[in-house]
Protein backbone atom coordinates (compact mmCIF):
# COMPACT_ATOMS: atom_id res chain seq x y z
CA MET A 1 -10.15 -10.09 -21.09
CA ASN A 2 -10.14 -9.41 -16.74
CA ILE A 3 -11.97 -6.60 -14.73
CA LYS A 4 -8.30 -5.05 -13.76
CA GLN A 5 -8.19 -4.18 -18.50
CA MET A 6 -11.43 -3.27 -18.17
CA LYS A 7 -10.84 -0.90 -15.27
CA GLY A 8 -7.39 0.42 -17.00
CA PHE A 9 -9.09 1.18 -20.08
CA LEU A 10 -11.99 3.01 -18.27
CA GLU A 11 -9.62 5.08 -16.94
CA LEU A 12 -7.86 5.48 -19.85
CA SER A 13 -10.98 6.71 -21.65
CA LYS A 14 -11.15 9.59 -19.07
CA THR A 15 -7.54 11.03 -19.36
CA LEU A 16 -6.55 9.65 -22.61
CA ASN A 17 -2.80 9.67 -21.57
CA PHE A 18 -1.29 6.35 -20.99
CA SER A 19 1.66 7.58 -18.85
CA LYS A 20 -1.35 9.48 -16.21
CA THR A 21 -3.27 6.73 -16.67
CA ALA A 22 -0.52 3.76 -15.72
CA LYS A 23 0.29 5.90 -12.43
CA GLN A 24 -3.37 5.59 -11.74
CA MET A 25 -3.10 2.22 -12.08
CA TYR A 26 -0.08 1.58 -9.87
CA MET A 27 1.38 0.25 -13.29
CA SER A 28 4.58 1.18 -15.05
CA GLN A 29 3.83 3.19 -18.36
CA PRO A 30 5.30 0.20 -21.10
CA ALA A 31 3.40 -2.62 -19.24
CA PHE A 32 -0.19 -0.42 -18.98
CA SER A 33 0.65 0.06 -22.64
CA ARG A 34 0.93 -3.90 -23.46
CA MET A 35 -2.27 -4.88 -21.03
CA ILE A 36 -3.98 -2.29 -23.35
CA GLU A 37 -2.31 -3.68 -26.60
CA SER A 38 -3.02 -7.39 -25.01
CA MET A 39 -7.15 -6.07 -24.85
CA GLU A 40 -7.21 -4.78 -28.09
CA LYS A 41 -5.48 -7.75 -29.63
CA GLU A 42 -8.17 -10.07 -27.95
CA ILE A 43 -10.96 -7.73 -29.03
CA GLY A 44 -9.72 -7.76 -32.65
CA VAL A 45 -10.12 -3.84 -32.94
CA LYS A 46 -7.92 -0.90 -31.96
CA LEU A 47 -9.71 1.02 -29.08
CA ILE A 48 -7.61 3.96 -28.91
CA GLN A 49 -6.20 6.63 -31.58
CA ARG A 50 -2.55 7.22 -30.27
CA ASP A 51 -1.98 10.55 -31.49
CA LYS A 52 0.11 13.04 -29.63
CA VAL A 53 -1.82 15.94 -30.27
CA ASN A 54 -5.79 14.83 -30.55
CA PRO A 55 -5.70 11.23 -28.47
CA LYS A 56 -9.32 9.61 -28.63
CA LEU A 57 -11.05 6.69 -28.72
CA THR A 58 -12.30 5.20 -32.35
CA PRO A 59 -15.62 4.30 -32.73
CA ALA A 60 -14.81 0.78 -31.45
CA GLY A 61 -13.48 1.86 -28.58
CA GLN A 62 -16.14 3.83 -27.81
CA ASN A 63 -18.98 1.00 -27.91
CA VAL A 64 -15.88 -1.36 -26.27
CA LEU A 65 -16.43 1.24 -23.05
CA ARG A 66 -20.18 0.99 -23.13
CA HIS A 67 -19.92 -2.48 -22.12
CA CYS A 68 -16.78 -2.07 -20.12
CA GLU A 69 -19.01 0.20 -17.52
CA ARG A 70 -21.72 -2.02 -17.49
CA ILE A 71 -19.87 -5.61 -16.83
CA LEU A 72 -18.01 -3.19 -14.27
CA ASN A 73 -21.21 -2.08 -12.70
CA GLU A 74 -22.73 -5.53 -12.48
CA TYR A 75 -19.32 -6.87 -11.10
CA ASN A 76 -19.56 -4.07 -8.07
CA GLU A 77 -23.07 -5.19 -7.35
CA LEU A 78 -22.18 -8.63 -7.44
CA MET A 79 -19.57 -8.39 -5.05
CA GLN A 80 -21.40 -6.25 -2.70
CA ASP A 81 -24.71 -8.79 -2.98
CA ALA A 82 -22.74 -11.80 -2.62
CA LYS A 83 -21.14 -10.11 0.68
CA ARG A 84 -24.72 -8.73 1.50
CA PHE A 85 -26.41 -11.87 1.38
CA SER A 86 -23.51 -14.97 2.53
CA THR A 87 -25.01 -17.11 5.48
CA GLU A 88 -21.57 -17.87 6.51
CA ARG A 89 -19.80 -16.82 9.49
CA LYS A 90 -18.97 -12.94 8.98
CA LYS A 91 -15.61 -12.75 7.58
CA LEU A 92 -12.57 -10.02 7.54
CA THR A 93 -9.48 -10.38 4.82
CA VAL A 94 -6.93 -8.50 6.02
CA GLY A 95 -3.89 -7.88 4.14
CA ILE A 96 -0.42 -7.49 6.12
CA LEU A 97 2.69 -6.74 5.42
CA GLU A 98 4.92 -10.10 6.63
CA ASP A 99 4.41 -10.41 10.45
CA GLY A 100 4.70 -6.67 11.29
CA ILE A 101 1.70 -6.07 13.22
CA ARG A 102 2.28 -9.03 15.37
CA ALA A 103 3.04 -6.66 18.55
CA GLY A 104 2.81 -3.02 19.28
CA SER A 105 -0.64 -1.38 19.25
CA THR A 106 -2.14 -2.46 15.89
CA GLY A 107 -1.61 -5.80 17.03
CA ARG A 108 -3.34 -5.14 20.08
CA MET A 109 -6.43 -3.43 18.41
CA ILE A 110 -6.76 -6.46 16.36
CA ARG A 111 -6.66 -9.07 18.90
CA GLN A 112 -8.91 -6.70 21.12
CA PHE A 113 -11.48 -6.92 18.32
CA ALA A 114 -11.34 -10.29 17.83
CA GLU A 115 -11.73 -10.94 21.51
CA GLU A 116 -15.14 -8.41 21.37
CA ASN A 117 -16.39 -9.87 18.34
CA PRO A 118 -16.04 -13.86 18.48
CA ASP A 119 -18.69 -14.13 15.73
CA VAL A 120 -16.34 -12.57 13.10
CA GLU A 121 -13.35 -14.78 11.34
CA ILE A 122 -10.53 -12.79 10.90
CA ASP A 123 -8.31 -14.34 7.67
CA PHE A 124 -4.71 -12.72 7.54
CA ARG A 125 -3.21 -12.67 3.88
CA ASN A 126 0.47 -11.84 3.85
CA THR A 127 0.86 -9.23 0.82
CA SER A 128 3.44 -6.54 -0.40
CA GLU A 129 2.78 -2.97 0.12
CA SER A 130 3.05 -2.65 -4.12
CA ALA A 131 0.24 -5.41 -4.21
CA ALA A 132 -1.83 -4.43 -1.71
CA PHE A 133 -4.10 -1.38 -3.12
CA ASP A 134 -4.96 -3.68 -6.26
CA GLN A 135 -6.17 -6.39 -4.08
CA ILE A 136 -8.30 -4.27 -2.17
CA GLN A 137 -9.07 -2.46 -5.13
CA GLU A 138 -10.19 -6.01 -6.89
CA GLY A 139 -11.67 -7.61 -4.13
CA GLU A 140 -9.16 -9.86 -2.54
CA LEU A 141 -8.89 -8.33 0.57
CA ASP A 142 -11.21 -6.31 2.96
CA CYS A 143 -8.70 -4.30 3.90
CA GLY A 144 -5.05 -3.71 4.43
CA ILE A 145 -3.19 -2.64 7.50
CA LEU A 146 -0.72 -0.10 5.78
CA VAL A 147 1.80 2.89 6.88
CA HIS A 148 1.50 4.84 3.19
CA PHE A 149 -1.64 5.77 1.73
CA PRO A 150 -1.05 7.69 -1.52
CA GLU A 151 -3.40 10.19 -3.00
CA VAL A 152 -4.13 8.48 -5.95
CA TYR A 153 -5.78 6.01 -4.04
CA ARG A 154 -8.06 8.19 -1.89
CA GLU A 155 -10.91 8.53 -4.41
CA GLN A 156 -11.52 4.64 -4.47
CA LEU A 157 -10.45 3.75 -0.88
CA ASN A 158 -10.43 4.87 2.51
CA GLY A 159 -8.37 5.15 5.30
CA THR A 160 -8.96 4.73 9.01
CA VAL A 161 -6.12 5.44 11.07
CA ILE A 162 -5.07 2.49 13.71
CA SER A 163 -1.91 4.18 15.21
CA TRP A 164 0.19 7.09 15.06
CA ASP A 165 4.16 6.26 15.28
CA HIS A 166 7.58 7.90 14.09
CA ASP A 167 9.57 6.63 11.31
CA CYS A 168 13.28 5.36 12.78
CA VAL A 169 16.46 4.65 11.23
CA PHE A 170 17.29 1.03 12.03
CA MET A 171 20.91 0.22 12.47
CA ASN A 172 23.65 -2.46 13.94
CA ARG A 173 24.20 -1.53 17.75
CA ASN A 174 27.95 -1.38 17.14
CA ASN A 175 27.49 1.96 14.46
CA PRO A 176 28.35 4.90 16.09
CA LEU A 177 25.34 6.49 15.86
CA ALA A 178 23.67 3.77 17.50
CA SER A 179 24.32 5.65 21.04
CA LYS A 180 22.14 8.79 19.80
CA GLU A 181 18.67 9.27 21.18
CA LYS A 182 17.70 10.72 17.75
CA VAL A 183 19.22 10.57 14.60
CA SER A 184 18.57 13.72 12.00
CA VAL A 185 18.58 12.20 8.16
CA LYS A 186 21.68 14.68 7.23
CA ASP A 187 23.57 12.29 9.70
CA LEU A 188 23.16 9.42 7.66
CA ARG A 189 24.77 11.04 4.66
CA SER A 190 27.67 8.65 4.42
CA GLU A 191 25.84 4.92 5.54
CA GLY A 192 25.00 2.87 3.10
CA PHE A 193 21.25 2.10 3.20
CA ILE A 194 19.15 -1.47 2.99
CA VAL A 195 15.76 -0.80 0.96
CA VAL A 196 13.02 -3.10 -0.15
CA ASP A 197 12.91 -3.06 -3.86
CA ALA A 198 10.69 -0.61 -4.99
CA SER A 199 8.47 -3.18 -7.42
CA GLN A 200 7.86 -4.65 -3.73
CA SER A 201 7.09 -1.82 -1.68
CA ARG A 202 7.42 1.38 -4.03
CA PHE A 203 6.13 4.12 -0.94
CA GLY A 204 8.50 2.65 1.26
CA PHE A 205 11.45 2.73 -1.36
CA ASN A 206 10.34 6.35 -2.01
CA ARG A 207 9.75 7.49 1.44
CA THR A 208 13.85 6.90 2.09
CA MET A 209 14.41 8.58 -1.18
CA GLY A 210 12.57 11.72 -0.75
CA LEU A 211 13.84 12.04 2.94
CA CYS A 212 17.66 11.95 1.64
CA LEU A 213 16.83 14.49 -0.97
CA GLN A 214 15.29 16.67 1.15
CA TYR A 215 18.50 16.96 3.48
CA GLY A 216 20.58 17.35 -0.01
CA PHE A 217 22.07 13.92 -0.89
CA ALA A 218 21.15 10.76 -2.77
CA PRO A 219 21.32 7.91 -0.38
CA HIS A 220 23.58 5.34 -1.21
CA ILE A 221 22.05 1.76 -2.05
CA ALA A 222 24.58 -0.53 -0.37
CA LYS A 223 21.59 -3.59 -1.27
CA SER A 224 18.36 -3.96 -2.52
CA VAL A 225 16.25 -6.63 -1.17
CA SER A 226 12.74 -8.36 -1.75
CA SER A 227 11.42 -8.25 1.68
CA VAL A 228 11.49 -6.15 4.93
CA THR A 229 12.44 -9.45 6.75
CA THR A 230 15.45 -9.45 4.66
CA ALA A 231 16.42 -6.05 4.82
CA LEU A 232 16.28 -6.48 8.63
CA LEU A 233 18.49 -9.18 8.49
CA GLU A 234 20.96 -6.99 6.71
CA VAL A 235 20.50 -4.90 9.48
CA ASP A 236 21.13 -6.86 11.86
CA MET A 237 24.35 -8.25 10.26
CA ASN A 238 25.41 -4.82 10.07
CA TYR A 239 25.60 -4.71 5.97
CA GLY A 240 23.78 -0.87 6.07
CA VAL A 241 21.20 1.29 7.73
CA MET A 242 17.26 1.46 7.07
CA ILE A 243 14.70 3.76 7.35
CA LEU A 244 11.32 1.78 8.44
CA HIS A 245 8.12 2.39 10.79
CA ASN A 246 8.83 2.41 14.34
CA SER A 247 5.96 -0.29 14.51
CA MET A 248 8.44 -2.77 12.39
CA LYS A 249 10.78 -2.89 15.29
CA ASP A 250 9.26 -6.10 16.82
CA ILE A 251 10.39 -7.91 14.10
CA ALA A 252 14.05 -6.59 14.09
CA GLY A 253 16.78 -8.93 14.94
CA PRO A 254 18.76 -9.07 18.74
CA GLU A 255 21.85 -6.65 17.07
CA THR A 256 19.57 -4.36 15.83
CA VAL A 257 18.35 -0.45 17.57
CA ALA A 258 15.47 1.34 16.22
CA ILE A 259 16.34 4.99 16.66
CA PRO A 260 13.79 7.79 16.03
CA LEU A 261 14.51 10.17 13.47
CA GLU A 262 14.58 13.83 14.38
CA GLY A 263 12.50 16.71 12.88
CA GLU A 264 10.08 14.13 11.36
CA PRO A 265 6.53 14.08 12.20
CA GLU A 266 4.55 11.01 13.60
CA LEU A 267 2.73 8.82 10.79
CA PRO A 268 -0.51 7.03 11.12
CA VAL A 269 -0.51 3.12 10.35
CA GLN A 270 -3.79 3.00 8.55
CA MET A 271 -6.40 0.27 7.90
CA ILE A 272 -7.05 0.69 3.75
CA GLN A 273 -10.77 -0.43 2.33
CA ARG A 274 -12.66 0.15 -0.55
CA LYS A 275 -15.25 2.86 -0.21
CA ASP A 276 -18.20 0.32 -1.25
CA SER A 277 -17.22 -2.45 0.52
CA GLY A 278 -20.31 -3.57 1.85
CA ASN A 279 -18.81 -6.07 4.37
CA PRO A 280 -20.69 -5.29 8.07
CA ALA A 281 -17.59 -7.07 9.54
CA LEU A 282 -15.46 -4.67 8.08
CA GLU A 283 -17.55 -1.71 8.93
CA ARG A 284 -18.06 -3.41 12.56
CA PHE A 285 -14.05 -3.22 12.85
CA ARG A 286 -13.57 0.71 11.36
CA GLU A 287 -16.25 1.66 13.97
CA PHE A 288 -14.46 -0.25 16.44
CA ILE A 289 -10.83 1.36 15.80
CA ARG A 290 -12.63 5.30 15.27
CA ALA A 291 -13.99 4.64 19.06
CA ARG A 292 -10.56 4.24 20.08
CA VAL A 293 -8.21 5.80 18.09
CA PRO A 294 -8.42 10.04 17.23
CA GLN A 295 -8.09 10.32 13.31
CA GLY A 296 -6.52 13.86 12.70
CA GLU A 297 -3.36 14.82 13.27
CA PRO A 298 -1.62 13.94 16.66
CA GLU A 299 -0.87 16.43 19.07
CA ALA A 300 2.65 18.04 18.82
């Protein structure tokens, strides 16, 4: 049995709803059900009475819940104490999406912090958007640099805005739309879209689908790939277009242009962290950002 299983069971005890809890855990309903079934098999008892009308924890489930709550409390205290009493050089483990922060305002912000805080060692870890939130919650990452921050995570996590920027449509410079200063989503109705698979970037995938549906059409998916780097290579080869945050333009190919989407608001790039992190280096980084970047909506 692992920490994620115990956290999942704890959340299930609050909702008594597998579908709702699966969404909170950012898992598919079948995968979440299998995780609870695996837990039941390991312990040797049924934890929940699966009844559509009146689901409830079994007596054994109530007993296991008390143990899970105690273990999770002790685990959180252990993680905080380990960081608080560490005698090693201060360390900040930052999750990044491929190499999209190497340039631009986000990259400059991190480099400036590193220059002004030489006692803090920054350890970058490549991650996917779908994995980053779990890694932050589990303590594998101190923070992640992300564009999307879904509501479901905001009870446990904090977001600090590092920069504001807009979504763009990335396309090959030979596309007839490439000469425009701005492009409306409705102009993309007949285009083939390159997307990163939802298993790697669920929020980015949903963003593309939602924008197109908002303008009255379902996008034609020309290709679904495993990473932003691969997607941008497909765009550079003129196999389709892609909606992506402007912060990623520095890793686009030489034949790719990024054109702002007309009528869409700027979106924040955020540093996402646990509310109970307890890492002094992370709090120093957060205050460094907040002193330099407005946290409210940007002025129109």
